[in-house]
Protein backbone atom coordinates (compact mmCIF):
# COMPACT_ATOMS: atom_id res chain seq x y z
CA UNK A 1 185.44 -226.25 126.38
CA UNK A 2 184.24 -229.83 125.86
CA UNK A 3 181.12 -231.14 127.60
CA UNK A 4 180.09 -234.77 127.97
CA UNK A 5 176.47 -235.65 128.50
CA UNK A 6 174.86 -238.92 129.68
CA UNK A 7 171.48 -239.67 128.03
CA UNK A 8 168.66 -242.15 128.18
CA UNK A 9 165.86 -242.36 125.65
CA UNK A 10 162.94 -244.38 124.40
CA UNK A 11 163.76 -245.03 120.80
CA UNK A 12 160.27 -245.84 119.63
CA UNK A 13 159.17 -242.28 118.69
CA UNK A 14 162.39 -241.52 116.78
CA UNK A 15 164.04 -242.56 113.54
CA UNK A 16 167.31 -243.48 115.20
CA UNK A 17 170.15 -241.46 116.71
CA UNK A 18 171.75 -239.92 113.59
CA UNK A 19 170.55 -236.74 111.81
CA UNK A 20 167.63 -237.16 109.36
CA UNK A 21 166.39 -234.57 106.83
CA UNK A 22 162.98 -234.45 108.53
CA UNK A 23 164.49 -233.83 111.95
CA UNK A 24 163.06 -236.95 113.48
CA UNK A 25 166.27 -238.31 115.03
CA UNK A 26 167.37 -238.16 118.70
CA UNK A 27 170.41 -236.17 117.61
CA UNK A 28 168.19 -233.55 115.83
CA UNK A 29 166.15 -233.00 118.99
CA UNK A 30 169.22 -232.90 121.28
CA UNK A 31 171.15 -230.45 119.16
CA UNK A 32 168.13 -228.17 118.85
CA UNK A 33 167.72 -228.11 122.65
CA UNK A 34 171.41 -227.63 123.30
CA UNK A 35 171.65 -224.79 120.76
CA UNK A 36 168.81 -223.02 122.52
CA UNK A 37 170.61 -223.21 125.84
CA UNK A 38 173.97 -222.21 124.31
CA UNK A 39 172.39 -219.50 122.10
CA UNK A 40 174.58 -220.79 119.28
CA UNK A 41 174.69 -223.92 117.10
CA UNK A 42 175.89 -227.08 118.85
CA UNK A 43 177.15 -230.25 117.06
CA UNK A 44 177.24 -233.53 119.04
CA UNK A 45 179.18 -236.77 118.75
CA UNK A 46 177.69 -239.98 120.17
CA UNK A 47 179.25 -243.14 121.46
CA UNK A 48 176.87 -245.29 119.46
CA UNK A 49 174.49 -244.63 116.56
CA UNK A 50 171.36 -246.50 117.63
CA UNK A 51 168.85 -247.44 114.89
CA UNK A 52 165.18 -246.53 114.69
CA UNK A 53 163.22 -248.01 117.53
CA UNK A 54 166.33 -248.89 119.57
CA UNK A 55 166.49 -247.59 123.11
CA UNK A 56 169.40 -246.27 125.27
CA UNK A 57 169.88 -246.33 129.02
CA UNK A 58 173.55 -245.18 128.70
CA UNK A 59 174.22 -243.09 125.66
CA UNK A 60 177.20 -240.73 125.94
CA UNK A 61 177.75 -237.70 123.73
CA UNK A 62 180.18 -234.79 123.68
CA UNK A 63 180.11 -231.31 122.21
CA UNK A 64 182.33 -228.22 122.14
CA UNK A 65 181.17 -224.77 123.17
CA UNK A 66 182.55 -221.41 124.15
CA UNK A 67 179.54 -220.76 126.40
CA UNK A 68 179.91 -220.93 130.18
CA UNK A 69 177.12 -222.85 131.91
CA UNK A 70 176.87 -224.74 135.16
CA UNK A 71 176.73 -228.50 134.67
CA UNK A 72 173.25 -228.56 136.19
CA UNK A 73 172.11 -225.97 133.62
CA UNK A 74 173.12 -228.23 130.77
CA UNK A 75 170.94 -230.96 132.37
CA UNK A 76 167.84 -229.03 133.42
CA UNK A 77 167.90 -226.48 130.65
CA UNK A 78 168.34 -229.01 127.92
CA UNK A 79 165.66 -231.31 129.35
CA UNK A 80 163.18 -228.47 129.41
CA UNK A 81 163.53 -228.20 125.62
CA UNK A 82 163.54 -231.94 124.84
CA UNK A 83 160.70 -234.36 124.13
CA UNK A 84 159.78 -236.36 127.27
CA UNK A 85 161.20 -239.53 125.73
CA UNK A 86 164.77 -238.11 125.83
CA UNK A 87 166.46 -237.21 129.11
CA UNK A 88 169.86 -235.79 129.86
CA UNK A 89 170.94 -237.51 133.13
CA UNK A 90 174.23 -235.76 133.80
CA UNK A 91 176.75 -233.31 132.30
CA UNK A 92 180.48 -233.09 132.94
CA UNK A 93 183.24 -230.82 131.64
CA UNK A 94 185.91 -233.03 130.18
CA UNK A 95 189.37 -232.45 128.63
CA UNK A 96 189.68 -232.09 124.88
CA UNK A 97 191.27 -235.53 124.75
CA UNK A 98 187.85 -237.07 125.58
CA UNK A 99 185.96 -238.40 122.54
CA UNK A 100 182.58 -240.04 123.04
CA UNK A 101 182.97 -242.33 120.06
CA UNK A 102 186.71 -243.03 119.62
CA UNK A 103 187.47 -243.00 123.36
CA UNK A 104 184.95 -245.72 124.22
CA UNK A 105 186.72 -248.93 125.31
CA UNK A 106 183.62 -251.03 124.98
CA UNK A 107 179.88 -250.86 124.37
CA UNK A 108 177.22 -253.14 125.82
CA UNK A 109 173.89 -253.88 124.21
CA UNK A 110 171.15 -255.88 125.88
CA UNK A 111 168.09 -257.37 124.22
CA UNK A 112 164.93 -257.89 126.25
CA UNK A 113 162.62 -260.64 124.99
CA UNK A 114 159.20 -261.90 125.98
CA UNK A 115 158.74 -265.60 125.13
CA UNK A 116 155.02 -266.19 125.61
CA UNK A 117 152.05 -267.21 123.37
CA UNK A 118 150.59 -263.68 123.83
CA UNK A 119 152.51 -260.61 122.63
CA UNK A 120 153.32 -258.04 125.35
CA UNK A 121 150.93 -255.17 126.02
CA UNK A 122 152.61 -253.08 128.72
CA UNK A 123 156.03 -253.79 127.23
CA UNK A 124 154.97 -253.13 123.62
CA UNK A 125 157.95 -251.46 121.86
CA UNK A 126 160.05 -252.05 124.98
CA UNK A 127 160.68 -255.79 124.42
CA UNK A 128 160.91 -258.19 121.58
CA UNK A 129 158.50 -261.13 121.35
CA UNK A 130 158.60 -264.80 120.42
CA UNK A 131 155.41 -266.87 120.54
CA UNK A 132 156.62 -269.79 122.71
CA UNK A 133 159.04 -270.56 125.48
CA UNK A 134 162.70 -270.62 124.49
CA UNK A 135 165.50 -272.89 125.66
CA UNK A 136 167.69 -270.28 127.32
CA UNK A 137 170.40 -272.76 128.22
CA UNK A 138 170.87 -273.63 124.57
CA UNK A 139 170.90 -269.95 123.56
CA UNK A 140 173.57 -269.24 126.18
CA UNK A 141 175.70 -272.16 124.97
CA UNK A 142 175.44 -270.85 121.41
CA UNK A 143 176.45 -267.31 122.43
CA UNK A 144 179.68 -268.51 124.01
CA UNK A 145 181.32 -268.90 120.57
CA UNK A 146 180.95 -265.18 119.97
CA UNK A 147 183.59 -264.24 122.56
CA UNK A 148 186.93 -263.22 121.13
CA UNK A 149 188.15 -261.51 117.94
CA UNK A 150 185.83 -262.74 115.22
CA UNK A 151 184.71 -262.00 111.67
CA UNK A 152 181.02 -261.17 112.01
CA UNK A 153 180.17 -261.06 108.27
CA UNK A 154 177.36 -263.54 108.92
CA UNK A 155 175.68 -260.96 111.16
CA UNK A 156 176.40 -257.87 109.20
CA UNK A 157 173.71 -255.84 107.46
CA UNK A 158 174.17 -255.42 103.70
CA UNK A 159 174.13 -251.61 104.19
CA UNK A 160 176.93 -251.66 106.83
CA UNK A 161 179.64 -249.10 106.02
CA UNK A 162 182.29 -250.43 108.44
CA UNK A 163 185.69 -251.00 106.83
CA UNK A 164 186.12 -254.39 108.49
CA UNK A 165 183.69 -257.07 109.74
CA UNK A 166 186.08 -257.99 112.54
CA UNK A 167 185.07 -257.10 116.07
CA UNK A 168 186.25 -258.12 119.52
CA UNK A 169 183.43 -259.46 121.78
CA UNK A 170 184.35 -259.41 125.46
CA UNK A 171 181.15 -260.97 126.80
CA UNK A 172 178.09 -262.71 125.35
CA UNK A 173 175.41 -264.38 127.45
CA UNK A 174 171.75 -265.19 127.55
CA UNK A 175 169.84 -265.50 130.78
CA UNK A 176 166.30 -265.59 132.10
CA UNK A 177 165.51 -262.70 134.42
CA UNK A 178 162.16 -263.36 136.01
CA UNK A 179 159.79 -264.10 133.13
CA UNK A 180 161.97 -262.36 130.57
CA UNK A 181 164.90 -263.48 128.41
CA UNK A 182 167.89 -261.08 128.29
CA UNK A 183 170.75 -261.33 125.81
CA UNK A 184 173.84 -259.30 126.65
CA UNK A 185 176.75 -258.58 124.27
CA UNK A 186 179.75 -256.43 125.18
CA UNK A 187 182.28 -255.61 122.45
CA UNK A 188 184.79 -253.00 121.36
CA UNK A 189 182.36 -251.94 118.61
CA UNK A 190 179.42 -253.29 116.62
CA UNK A 191 178.42 -253.67 112.95
CA UNK A 192 175.16 -252.35 111.57
CA UNK A 193 172.29 -254.56 112.91
CA UNK A 194 174.84 -256.98 114.36
CA UNK A 195 173.09 -257.51 117.73
CA UNK A 196 169.59 -257.86 116.19
CA UNK A 197 170.97 -260.34 113.69
CA UNK A 198 172.65 -262.30 116.51
CA UNK A 199 169.39 -262.33 118.47
CA UNK A 200 167.47 -263.66 115.48
CA UNK A 201 169.83 -266.58 115.20
CA UNK A 202 169.90 -267.14 118.95
CA UNK A 203 166.06 -267.39 118.91
CA UNK A 204 166.32 -270.06 116.22
CA UNK A 205 168.53 -272.06 118.57
CA UNK A 206 166.21 -271.42 121.55
CA UNK A 207 163.22 -272.57 119.52
CA UNK A 208 164.96 -275.78 118.57
CA UNK A 209 165.20 -274.97 114.87
CA UNK A 210 169.03 -275.13 115.00
CA UNK A 211 171.56 -276.70 117.41
CA UNK A 212 173.74 -274.65 119.77
CA UNK A 213 176.70 -275.22 117.49
CA UNK A 214 175.02 -273.39 114.58
CA UNK A 215 176.30 -269.90 115.45
CA UNK A 216 179.91 -271.12 115.34
CA UNK A 217 179.21 -272.59 111.89
CA UNK A 218 177.68 -269.29 110.74
CA UNK A 219 180.77 -267.43 111.92
CA UNK A 220 183.01 -269.75 109.90
CA UNK A 221 180.92 -269.50 106.72
CA UNK A 222 180.69 -265.68 106.91
CA UNK A 223 177.50 -265.66 104.82
CA UNK A 224 174.65 -263.36 106.02
CA UNK A 225 172.16 -265.26 103.86
CA UNK A 226 172.53 -268.39 105.97
CA UNK A 227 171.71 -266.75 109.29
CA UNK A 228 168.27 -265.97 110.72
CA UNK A 229 166.36 -262.79 109.79
CA UNK A 230 167.05 -259.56 111.63
CA UNK A 231 165.01 -259.41 114.88
CA UNK A 232 162.77 -256.47 115.72
CA UNK A 233 164.44 -253.35 117.31
CA UNK A 234 161.85 -253.10 120.11
CA UNK A 235 163.81 -254.90 122.78
CA UNK A 236 167.32 -253.58 122.07
CA UNK A 237 169.03 -251.25 124.55
CA UNK A 238 172.39 -249.50 124.50
CA UNK A 239 173.13 -250.35 128.12
CA UNK A 240 176.71 -249.31 128.93
CA UNK A 241 179.73 -247.46 127.53
CA UNK A 242 183.14 -247.99 129.07
CA UNK A 243 185.74 -245.20 129.21
CA UNK A 244 189.00 -244.60 130.98
CA UNK A 245 188.04 -244.11 134.68
CA UNK A 246 190.35 -241.09 134.77
CA UNK A 247 187.63 -239.08 133.03
CA UNK A 248 185.43 -239.50 136.08
CA UNK A 249 182.12 -239.86 134.27
CA UNK A 250 179.10 -240.50 136.50
CA UNK A 251 177.29 -243.82 136.58
CA UNK A 252 173.99 -244.24 134.86
CA UNK A 253 170.84 -245.03 136.78
CA UNK A 254 169.49 -248.61 136.60
CA UNK A 255 166.87 -249.62 134.14
CA UNK A 256 164.08 -251.49 136.01
CA UNK A 257 163.61 -253.83 133.01
CA UNK A 258 167.25 -254.93 132.69
CA UNK A 259 169.93 -256.51 134.90
CA UNK A 260 172.95 -254.27 135.43
CA UNK A 261 175.49 -254.87 132.59
């Protein structure tokens, strides 16, 4: 049978989602816990491979098993064997046609940013930081050019293994939520470091170093060397995954730091 799980995790203690030789990845910890509950090896597939330090409030994974367990047992039993920074929120039996990665219609990432002369203390590793107040209206105007089917070579990491730099962005916005700046990007898929590279360039616009039209120019030139440096992973969250409603997957609980995507 195929089981889908909904996860949230604090990415700071881990070296990303994907397996690492030292066993420091979220996937390593999850599969170890699931294998203990199933009493047999379990391999997982995730909707998105978050990088080291990147958080998730809405990660979805699936795995196949011949072991019968109640859905609540996959939640409580697995959590009992996981580090406290990783939580299984729900489990659902799904048809074999469900695929956490290839079945995702869209993914949403949000970046949480503190723009203040003093770096955050309570939000350390939970939010990015820029040392002075940003022009959010200019950042939002710049982000509007990202919507649509675009070549994102200018925001693609040199180590990216994707076959094509073309992605379809459904939504891109920057807003101030209380005292925080939140950038939201929803797309069919993402390139390696794409959101963090976008945020770096949006901060240049917000700081007045570049005009709002600069991101459109970067897209046209397709040269990563001309864009801003990659921003820190601290404030990046995998916030939503969209699937066919027919699968009936549960909703994720809200994150108190972020607006609902």
